[in-house]
């Protein structure tokens, strides 16, 4: 399966139940630096284009103070799976 990394602008971490329109978030990253970044990794193929609003729900409940992430798509990056041991890289 292909993973998409979605960088978000105006990102918000939200408490509350997932909504039917939320995409699954397998991973959430926060780069707290002088130029902060928030990105989500998902295996969903329904990620909207740049400049569009999007919301994600954590794929599993984790009791970390938020269940959802919302923002505007800044950019999308397709991630390819790393070759497994014994496989031939393409």
PDB file of N, CA and C in Angstrom:
ATOM      1  N   UNK A   1       0.833  -1.175   0.000  1.00  0.00           N
ATOM      2  CA  UNK A   1       0.000   0.000   0.000  1.00  0.00           C
ATOM      3  C   UNK A   1       0.883   1.246   0.000  1.00  0.00           C
ATOM      4  N   UNK A   2       0.442   2.293  -0.661  1.00  0.00           N
ATOM      5  CA  UNK A   2       1.201   3.536  -0.761  1.00  0.00           C
ATOM      6  C   UNK A   2       0.804   4.469   0.388  1.00  0.00           C
ATOM      7  N   UNK A   3       1.779   5.063   1.014  1.00  0.00           N
ATOM      8  CA  UNK A   3       1.541   6.030   2.079  1.00  0.00           C
ATOM      9  C   UNK A   3       1.736   7.424   1.527  1.00  0.00           C
ATOM     10  N   UNK A   4       0.843   8.332   1.898  1.00  0.00           N
ATOM     11  CA  UNK A   4       0.961   9.730   1.505  1.00  0.00           C
ATOM     12  C   UNK A   4       1.240  10.560   2.741  1.00  0.00           C
ATOM     13  N   UNK A   5       2.279  11.371   2.666  1.00  0.00           N
ATOM     14  CA  UNK A   5       2.572  12.330   3.730  1.00  0.00           C
ATOM     15  C   UNK A   5       1.908  13.640   3.329  1.00  0.00           C
ATOM     16  N   UNK A   6       1.058  14.157   4.210  1.00  0.00           N
ATOM     17  CA  UNK A   6       0.300  15.373   3.931  1.00  0.00           C
ATOM     18  C   UNK A   6       0.754  16.463   4.894  1.00  0.00           C
ATOM     19  N   UNK A   7       1.414  17.490   4.349  1.00  0.00           N
ATOM     20  CA  UNK A   7       1.831  18.640   5.153  1.00  0.00           C
ATOM     21  C   UNK A   7       0.652  19.590   5.256  1.00  0.00           C
ATOM     22  N   UNK A   8       0.382  20.061   6.486  1.00  0.00           N
ATOM     23  CA  UNK A   8      -0.787  20.895   6.725  1.00  0.00           C
ATOM     24  C   UNK A   8      -0.421  22.313   7.107  1.00  0.00           C
ATOM     25  N   UNK A   9      -1.187  23.242   6.605  1.00  0.00           N
ATOM     26  CA  UNK A   9      -1.094  24.647   6.981  1.00  0.00           C
ATOM     27  C   UNK A   9      -2.281  24.914   7.900  1.00  0.00           C
ATOM     28  N   UNK A  10      -2.130  25.796   8.867  1.00  0.00           N
ATOM     29  CA  UNK A  10      -3.197  26.136   9.817  1.00  0.00           C
ATOM     30  C   UNK A  10      -3.755  24.877  10.480  1.00  0.00           C
ATOM     31  N   UNK A  11      -2.865  23.987  10.879  1.00  0.00           N
ATOM     32  CA  UNK A  11      -3.278  22.705  11.472  1.00  0.00           C
ATOM     33  C   UNK A  11      -3.821  22.913  12.884  1.00  0.00           C
ATOM     34  N   UNK A  12      -4.811  22.098  13.207  1.00  0.00           N
ATOM     35  CA  UNK A  12      -5.387  22.116  14.542  1.00  0.00           C
ATOM     36  C   UNK A  12      -5.520  20.676  15.035  1.00  0.00           C
ATOM     37  N   UNK A  13      -5.135  20.445  16.278  1.00  0.00           N
ATOM     38  CA  UNK A  13      -5.341  19.152  16.928  1.00  0.00           C
ATOM     39  C   UNK A  13      -6.646  19.267  17.692  1.00  0.00           C
ATOM     40  N   UNK A  14      -7.566  18.343  17.438  1.00  0.00           N
ATOM     41  CA  UNK A  14      -8.923  18.456  17.968  1.00  0.00           C
ATOM     42  C   UNK A  14      -9.308  17.241  18.804  1.00  0.00           C
ATOM     43  N   UNK A  15      -9.991  17.493  19.897  1.00  0.00           N
ATOM     44  CA  UNK A  15     -10.578  16.408  20.682  1.00  0.00           C
ATOM     45  C   UNK A  15     -11.937  16.077  20.072  1.00  0.00           C
ATOM     46  N   UNK A  16     -12.451  14.929  20.387  1.00  0.00           N
ATOM     47  CA  UNK A  16     -13.786  14.580  19.922  1.00  0.00           C
ATOM     48  C   UNK A  16     -13.802  13.356  19.038  1.00  0.00           C
ATOM     49  N   UNK A  17     -14.991  12.849  18.846  1.00  0.00           N
ATOM     50  CA  UNK A  17     -15.186  11.645  18.052  1.00  0.00           C
ATOM     51  C   UNK A  17     -14.845  11.892  16.584  1.00  0.00           C
ATOM     52  N   UNK A  18     -14.305  10.881  15.912  1.00  0.00           N
ATOM     53  CA  UNK A  18     -14.060  11.001  14.469  1.00  0.00           C
ATOM     54  C   UNK A  18     -15.371  11.270  13.733  1.00  0.00           C
ATOM     55  N   UNK A  19     -15.262  11.990  12.624  1.00  0.00           N
ATOM     56  CA  UNK A  19     -16.417  12.264  11.765  1.00  0.00           C
ATOM     57  C   UNK A  19     -16.346  11.365  10.540  1.00  0.00           C
ATOM     58  N   UNK A  20     -17.475  11.162   9.929  1.00  0.00           N
ATOM     59  CA  UNK A  20     -17.555  10.279   8.757  1.00  0.00           C
ATOM     60  C   UNK A  20     -16.657  10.760   7.613  1.00  0.00           C
ATOM     61  N   UNK A  21     -16.391  12.059   7.542  1.00  0.00           N
ATOM     62  CA  UNK A  21     -15.576  12.611   6.452  1.00  0.00           C
ATOM     63  C   UNK A  21     -14.076  12.604   6.744  1.00  0.00           C
ATOM     64  N   UNK A  22     -13.678  12.233   7.970  1.00  0.00           N
ATOM     65  CA  UNK A  22     -12.258  12.194   8.331  1.00  0.00           C
ATOM     66  C   UNK A  22     -11.544  11.067   7.595  1.00  0.00           C
ATOM     67  N   UNK A  23     -10.339  11.346   7.151  1.00  0.00           N
ATOM     68  CA  UNK A  23      -9.481  10.312   6.585  1.00  0.00           C
ATOM     69  C   UNK A  23      -8.691   9.672   7.730  1.00  0.00           C
ATOM     70  N   UNK A  24      -8.262   8.433   7.589  1.00  0.00           N
ATOM     71  CA  UNK A  24      -7.493   7.799   8.667  1.00  0.00           C
ATOM     72  C   UNK A  24      -6.066   8.351   8.727  1.00  0.00           C
ATOM     73  N   UNK A  25      -5.603   8.648   9.923  1.00  0.00           N
ATOM     74  CA  UNK A  25      -4.227   9.106  10.146  1.00  0.00           C
ATOM     75  C   UNK A  25      -3.462   7.977  10.819  1.00  0.00           C
ATOM     76  N   UNK A  26      -2.540   7.365  10.075  1.00  0.00           N
ATOM     77  CA  UNK A  26      -1.710   6.309  10.666  1.00  0.00           C
ATOM     78  C   UNK A  26      -0.605   6.898  11.537  1.00  0.00           C
ATOM     79  N   UNK A  27      -0.100   8.079  11.151  1.00  0.00           N
ATOM     80  CA  UNK A  27       0.964   8.741  11.900  1.00  0.00           C
ATOM     81  C   UNK A  27       0.758  10.254  11.853  1.00  0.00           C
ATOM     82  N   UNK A  28       1.074  10.937  12.976  1.00  0.00           N
ATOM     83  CA  UNK A  28       0.992  12.397  13.062  1.00  0.00           C
ATOM     84  C   UNK A  28       2.339  12.892  13.561  1.00  0.00           C
ATOM     85  N   UNK A  29       2.881  13.893  12.880  1.00  0.00           N
ATOM     86  CA  UNK A  29       4.188  14.449  13.244  1.00  0.00           C
ATOM     87  C   UNK A  29       4.055  15.942  13.505  1.00  0.00           C
ATOM     88  N   UNK A  30       4.732  16.411  14.543  1.00  0.00           N
ATOM     89  CA  UNK A  30       4.784  17.837  14.856  1.00  0.00           C
ATOM     90  C   UNK A  30       6.249  18.214  14.950  1.00  0.00           C
ATOM     91  N   UNK A  31       6.687  19.103  14.068  1.00  0.00           N
ATOM     92  CA  UNK A  31       8.053  19.604  14.104  1.00  0.00           C
ATOM     93  C   UNK A  31       7.982  20.992  14.728  1.00  0.00           C
ATOM     94  N   UNK A  32       8.232  21.056  16.041  1.00  0.00           N
ATOM     95  CA  UNK A  32       8.125  22.294  16.792  1.00  0.00           C
ATOM     96  C   UNK A  32       9.447  23.044  16.703  1.00  0.00           C
ATOM     97  N   UNK A  33       9.572  23.863  15.696  1.00  0.00           N
ATOM     98  CA  UNK A  33      10.798  24.625  15.485  1.00  0.00           C
ATOM     99  C   UNK A  33      10.437  26.058  15.130  1.00  0.00           C
ATOM    100  N   UNK A  34      11.435  26.840  14.751  1.00  0.00           N
ATOM    101  CA  UNK A  34      11.193  28.218  14.364  1.00  0.00           C
ATOM    102  C   UNK A  34      10.243  28.288  13.170  1.00  0.00           C
ATOM    103  N   UNK A  35      10.330  27.312  12.298  1.00  0.00           N
ATOM    104  CA  UNK A  35       9.384  27.171  11.191  1.00  0.00           C
ATOM    105  C   UNK A  35       8.617  25.867  11.458  1.00  0.00           C
ATOM    106  N   UNK A  36       7.542  25.942  12.232  1.00  0.00           N
ATOM    107  CA  UNK A  36       6.839  24.723  12.639  1.00  0.00           C
ATOM    108  C   UNK A  36       6.151  24.033  11.464  1.00  0.00           C
ATOM    109  N   UNK A  37       6.086  22.710  11.550  1.00  0.00           N
ATOM    110  CA  UNK A  37       5.402  21.918  10.536  1.00  0.00           C
ATOM    111  C   UNK A  37       4.573  20.847  11.231  1.00  0.00           C
ATOM    112  N   UNK A  38       3.435  20.558  10.634  1.00  0.00           N
ATOM    113  CA  UNK A  38       2.600  19.435  11.066  1.00  0.00           C
ATOM    114  C   UNK A  38       2.311  18.627   9.828  1.00  0.00           C
ATOM    115  N   UNK A  39       2.528  17.309   9.920  1.00  0.00           N
ATOM    116  CA  UNK A  39       2.160  16.462   8.802  1.00  0.00           C
ATOM    117  C   UNK A  39       1.562  15.170   9.310  1.00  0.00           C
ATOM    118  N   UNK A  40       0.754  14.594   8.439  1.00  0.00           N
ATOM    119  CA  UNK A  40       0.038  13.360   8.740  1.00  0.00           C
ATOM    120  C   UNK A  40       0.397  12.359   7.657  1.00  0.00           C
ATOM    121  N   UNK A  41       0.574  11.112   8.034  1.00  0.00           N
ATOM    122  CA  UNK A  41       0.770  10.059   7.042  1.00  0.00           C
ATOM    123  C   UNK A  41      -0.478   9.192   7.024  1.00  0.00           C
ATOM    124  N   UNK A  42      -0.968   8.946   5.820  1.00  0.00           N
ATOM    125  CA  UNK A  42      -2.190   8.179   5.638  1.00  0.00           C
ATOM    126  C   UNK A  42      -2.039   7.233   4.465  1.00  0.00           C
ATOM    127  N   UNK A  43      -2.794   6.179   4.476  1.00  0.00           N
ATOM    128  CA  UNK A  43      -2.825   5.255   3.348  1.00  0.00           C
ATOM    129  C   UNK A  43      -4.069   5.479   2.503  1.00  0.00           C
ATOM    130  N   UNK A  44      -4.825   6.510   2.837  1.00  0.00           N
ATOM    131  CA  UNK A  44      -6.024   6.838   2.081  1.00  0.00           C
ATOM    132  C   UNK A  44      -5.647   7.393   0.705  1.00  0.00           C
ATOM    133  N   UNK A  45      -6.444   7.076  -0.291  1.00  0.00           N
ATOM    134  CA  UNK A  45      -6.239   7.620  -1.642  1.00  0.00           C
ATOM    135  C   UNK A  45      -7.130   8.833  -1.879  1.00  0.00           C
ATOM    136  N   UNK A  46      -7.855   9.271  -0.863  1.00  0.00           N
ATOM    137  CA  UNK A  46      -8.825  10.356  -1.015  1.00  0.00           C
ATOM    138  C   UNK A  46      -8.300  11.711  -0.528  1.00  0.00           C
ATOM    139  N   UNK A  47      -6.990  11.882  -0.416  1.00  0.00           N
ATOM    140  CA  UNK A  47      -6.432  13.151   0.061  1.00  0.00           C
ATOM    141  C   UNK A  47      -6.715  14.240  -0.970  1.00  0.00           C
ATOM    142  N   UNK A  48      -7.312  15.361  -0.537  1.00  0.00           N
ATOM    143  CA  UNK A  48      -7.618  16.433  -1.491  1.00  0.00           C
ATOM    144  C   UNK A  48      -6.351  17.140  -1.982  1.00  0.00           C
ATOM    145  N   UNK A  49      -6.512  17.955  -3.003  1.00  0.00           N
ATOM    146  CA  UNK A  49      -5.398  18.692  -3.588  1.00  0.00           C
ATOM    147  C   UNK A  49      -4.975  19.861  -2.711  1.00  0.00           C
ATOM    148  N   UNK A  50      -3.823  20.415  -3.055  1.00  0.00           N
ATOM    149  CA  UNK A  50      -3.244  21.556  -2.339  1.00  0.00           C
ATOM    150  C   UNK A  50      -4.268  22.692  -2.241  1.00  0.00           C
ATOM    151  N   UNK A  51      -4.300  23.310  -1.062  1.00  0.00           N
ATOM    152  CA  UNK A  51      -5.198  24.433  -0.835  1.00  0.00           C
ATOM    153  C   UNK A  51      -6.578  24.039  -0.348  1.00  0.00           C
ATOM    154  N   UNK A  52      -6.865  22.746  -0.285  1.00  0.00           N
ATOM    155  CA  UNK A  52      -8.178  22.269   0.156  1.00  0.00           C
ATOM    156  C   UNK A  52      -8.139  21.881   1.634  1.00  0.00           C
ATOM    157  N   UNK A  53      -9.277  22.038   2.291  1.00  0.00           N
ATOM    158  CA  UNK A  53      -9.400  21.643   3.694  1.00  0.00           C
ATOM    159  C   UNK A  53      -9.446  20.124   3.788  1.00  0.00           C
ATOM    160  N   UNK A  54      -8.876  19.606   4.883  1.00  0.00           N
ATOM    161  CA  UNK A  54      -8.876  18.163   5.115  1.00  0.00           C
ATOM    162  C   UNK A  54      -8.916  17.917   6.617  1.00  0.00           C
ATOM    163  N   UNK A  55      -9.490  16.786   6.990  1.00  0.00           N
ATOM    164  CA  UNK A  55      -9.454  16.388   8.397  1.00  0.00           C
ATOM    165  C   UNK A  55      -9.138  14.898   8.476  1.00  0.00           C
ATOM    166  N   UNK A  56      -8.454  14.556   9.530  1.00  0.00           N
ATOM    167  CA  UNK A  56      -8.019  13.182   9.764  1.00  0.00           C
ATOM    168  C   UNK A  56      -8.462  12.760  11.159  1.00  0.00           C
ATOM    169  N   UNK A  57      -8.663  11.480  11.342  1.00  0.00           N
ATOM    170  CA  UNK A  57      -8.900  10.904  12.667  1.00  0.00           C
ATOM    171  C   UNK A  57      -7.818   9.863  12.900  1.00  0.00           C
ATOM    172  N   UNK A  58      -7.304   9.812  14.115  1.00  0.00           N
ATOM    173  CA  UNK A  58      -6.303   8.795  14.427  1.00  0.00           C
ATOM    174  C   UNK A  58      -6.871   7.417  14.122  1.00  0.00           C
ATOM    175  N   UNK A  59      -6.064   6.583  13.520  1.00  0.00           N
ATOM    176  CA  UNK A  59      -6.514   5.244  13.139  1.00  0.00           C
ATOM    177  C   UNK A  59      -6.851   4.412  14.383  1.00  0.00           C
ATOM    178  N   UNK A  60      -6.200   4.717  15.502  1.00  0.00           N
ATOM    179  CA  UNK A  60      -6.436   4.008  16.764  1.00  0.00           C
ATOM    180  C   UNK A  60      -6.519   5.037  17.869  1.00  0.00           C
ATOM    181  N   UNK A  61      -7.438   4.841  18.809  1.00  0.00           N
ATOM    182  CA  UNK A  61      -7.550   5.741  19.959  1.00  0.00           C
ATOM    183  C   UNK A  61      -6.300   5.588  20.819  1.00  0.00           C
ATOM    184  N   UNK A  62      -5.709   6.719  21.218  1.00  0.00           N
ATOM    185  CA  UNK A  62      -4.453   6.666  21.967  1.00  0.00           C
ATOM    186  C   UNK A  62      -4.486   7.419  23.292  1.00  0.00           C
ATOM    187  N   UNK A  63      -5.572   8.126  23.626  1.00  0.00           N
ATOM    188  CA  UNK A  63      -5.681   8.863  24.880  1.00  0.00           C
ATOM    189  C   UNK A  63      -4.508   9.829  25.066  1.00  0.00           C
ATOM    190  N   UNK A  64      -4.255  10.649  24.040  1.00  0.00           N
ATOM    191  CA  UNK A  64      -3.153  11.623  24.090  1.00  0.00           C
ATOM    192  C   UNK A  64      -3.657  13.066  24.020  1.00  0.00           C
ATOM    193  N   UNK A  65      -4.966  13.256  24.205  1.00  0.00           N
ATOM    194  CA  UNK A  65      -5.513  14.606  24.258  1.00  0.00           C
ATOM    195  C   UNK A  65      -6.123  15.095  22.956  1.00  0.00           C
ATOM    196  N   UNK A  66      -5.961  14.343  21.880  1.00  0.00           N
ATOM    197  CA  UNK A  66      -6.628  14.690  20.627  1.00  0.00           C
ATOM    198  C   UNK A  66      -6.905  13.410  19.854  1.00  0.00           C
ATOM    199  N   UNK A  67      -7.954  13.466  19.051  1.00  0.00           N
ATOM    200  CA  UNK A  67      -8.323  12.319  18.220  1.00  0.00           C
ATOM    201  C   UNK A  67      -8.343  12.683  16.743  1.00  0.00           C
ATOM    202  N   UNK A  68      -8.383  13.987  16.464  1.00  0.00           N
ATOM    203  CA  UNK A  68      -8.521  14.456  15.082  1.00  0.00           C
ATOM    204  C   UNK A  68      -7.473  15.527  14.773  1.00  0.00           C
ATOM    205  N   UNK A  69      -7.150  15.669  13.498  1.00  0.00           N
ATOM    206  CA  UNK A  69      -6.245  16.710  13.012  1.00  0.00           C
ATOM    207  C   UNK A  69      -6.922  17.333  11.804  1.00  0.00           C
ATOM    208  N   UNK A  70      -6.997  18.672  11.776  1.00  0.00           N
ATOM    209  CA  UNK A  70      -7.624  19.364  10.652  1.00  0.00           C
ATOM    210  C   UNK A  70      -6.698  20.471  10.174  1.00  0.00           C
ATOM    211  N   UNK A  71      -6.794  20.800   8.915  1.00  0.00           N
ATOM    212  CA  UNK A  71      -5.988  21.879   8.357  1.00  0.00           C
ATOM    213  C   UNK A  71      -6.198  21.987   6.857  1.00  0.00           C
ATOM    214  N   UNK A  72      -5.298  22.719   6.228  1.00  0.00           N
ATOM    215  CA  UNK A  72      -5.330  22.921   4.780  1.00  0.00           C
ATOM    216  C   UNK A  72      -4.127  22.215   4.182  1.00  0.00           C
ATOM    217  N   UNK A  73      -4.338  21.489   3.111  1.00  0.00           N
ATOM    218  CA  UNK A  73      -3.240  20.765   2.463  1.00  0.00           C
ATOM    219  C   UNK A  73      -2.247  21.767   1.897  1.00  0.00           C
ATOM    220  N   UNK A  74      -1.012  21.702   2.393  1.00  0.00           N
ATOM    221  CA  UNK A  74       0.070  22.544   1.875  1.00  0.00           C
ATOM    222  C   UNK A  74       0.791  21.826   0.744  1.00  0.00           C
ATOM    223  N   UNK A  75       1.065  20.531   0.974  1.00  0.00           N
ATOM    224  CA  UNK A  75       1.664  19.699  -0.076  1.00  0.00           C
ATOM    225  C   UNK A  75       1.502  18.234   0.304  1.00  0.00           C
ATOM    226  N   UNK A  76       1.613  17.382  -0.713  1.00  0.00           N
ATOM    227  CA  UNK A  76       1.502  15.935  -0.528  1.00  0.00           C
ATOM    228  C   UNK A  76       2.752  15.288  -1.091  1.00  0.00           C
ATOM    229  N   UNK A  77       3.249  14.274  -0.393  1.00  0.00           N
ATOM    230  CA  UNK A  77       4.424  13.533  -0.843  1.00  0.00           C
ATOM    231  C   UNK A  77       4.091  12.053  -0.773  1.00  0.00           C
ATOM    232  N   UNK A  78       4.232  11.359  -1.877  1.00  0.00           N
ATOM    233  CA  UNK A  78       4.016   9.910  -1.891  1.00  0.00           C
ATOM    234  C   UNK A  78       5.260   9.241  -1.342  1.00  0.00           C
ATOM    235  N   UNK A  79       5.074   8.329  -0.404  1.00  0.00           N
ATOM    236  CA  UNK A  79       6.193   7.587   0.183  1.00  0.00           C
ATOM    237  C   UNK A  79       6.126   6.163  -0.321  1.00  0.00           C
ATOM    238  N   UNK A  80       7.229   5.662  -0.777  1.00  0.00           N
ATOM    239  CA  UNK A  80       7.299   4.265  -1.196  1.00  0.00           C
ATOM    240  C   UNK A  80       7.844   3.450  -0.043  1.00  0.00           C
ATOM    241  N   UNK A  81       7.361   2.251   0.075  1.00  0.00           N
ATOM    242  CA  UNK A  81       7.837   1.362   1.129  1.00  0.00           C
ATOM    243  C   UNK A  81       9.300   1.009   0.877  1.00  0.00           C
ATOM    244  N   UNK A  82      10.061   0.949   1.942  1.00  0.00           N
ATOM    245  CA  UNK A  82      11.470   0.537   1.827  1.00  0.00           C
ATOM    246  C   UNK A  82      11.531  -0.945   1.479  1.00  0.00           C
ATOM    247  N   UNK A  83      12.518  -1.350   0.691  1.00  0.00           N
ATOM    248  CA  UNK A  83      12.627  -2.782   0.373  1.00  0.00           C
ATOM    249  C   UNK A  83      12.829  -3.605   1.634  1.00  0.00           C
ATOM    250  N   UNK A  84      12.201  -4.748   1.688  1.00  0.00           N
ATOM    251  CA  UNK A  84      12.372  -5.628   2.841  1.00  0.00           C
ATOM    252  C   UNK A  84      13.629  -6.461   2.644  1.00  0.00           C
ATOM    253  N   UNK A  85      14.133  -6.985   3.723  1.00  0.00           N
ATOM    254  CA  UNK A  85      15.347  -7.798   3.678  1.00  0.00           C
ATOM    255  C   UNK A  85      15.145  -8.967   2.706  1.00  0.00           C
ATOM    256  N   UNK A  86      16.086  -9.145   1.817  1.00  0.00           N
ATOM    257  CA  UNK A  86      16.022 -10.234   0.864  1.00  0.00           C
ATOM    258  C   UNK A  86      15.308  -9.869  -0.434  1.00  0.00           C
ATOM    259  N   UNK A  87      14.694  -8.657  -0.484  1.00  0.00           N
ATOM    260  CA  UNK A  87      14.024  -8.271  -1.722  1.00  0.00           C
ATOM    261  C   UNK A  87      14.985  -7.511  -2.612  1.00  0.00           C
ATOM    262  N   UNK A  88      14.662  -7.433  -3.860  1.00  0.00           N
ATOM    263  CA  UNK A  88      15.485  -6.722  -4.827  1.00  0.00           C
ATOM    264  C   UNK A  88      14.929  -5.324  -5.031  1.00  0.00           C
ATOM    265  N   UNK A  89      15.729  -4.257  -4.767  1.00  0.00           N
ATOM    266  CA  UNK A  89      15.226  -2.904  -4.974  1.00  0.00           C
ATOM    267  C   UNK A  89      14.989  -2.643  -6.452  1.00  0.00           C
ATOM    268  N   UNK A  90      14.005  -1.802  -6.721  1.00  0.00           N
ATOM    269  CA  UNK A  90      13.687  -1.452  -8.113  1.00  0.00           C
ATOM    270  C   UNK A  90      14.435  -0.240  -8.570  1.00  0.00           C
TER     271      UNK A  90
END
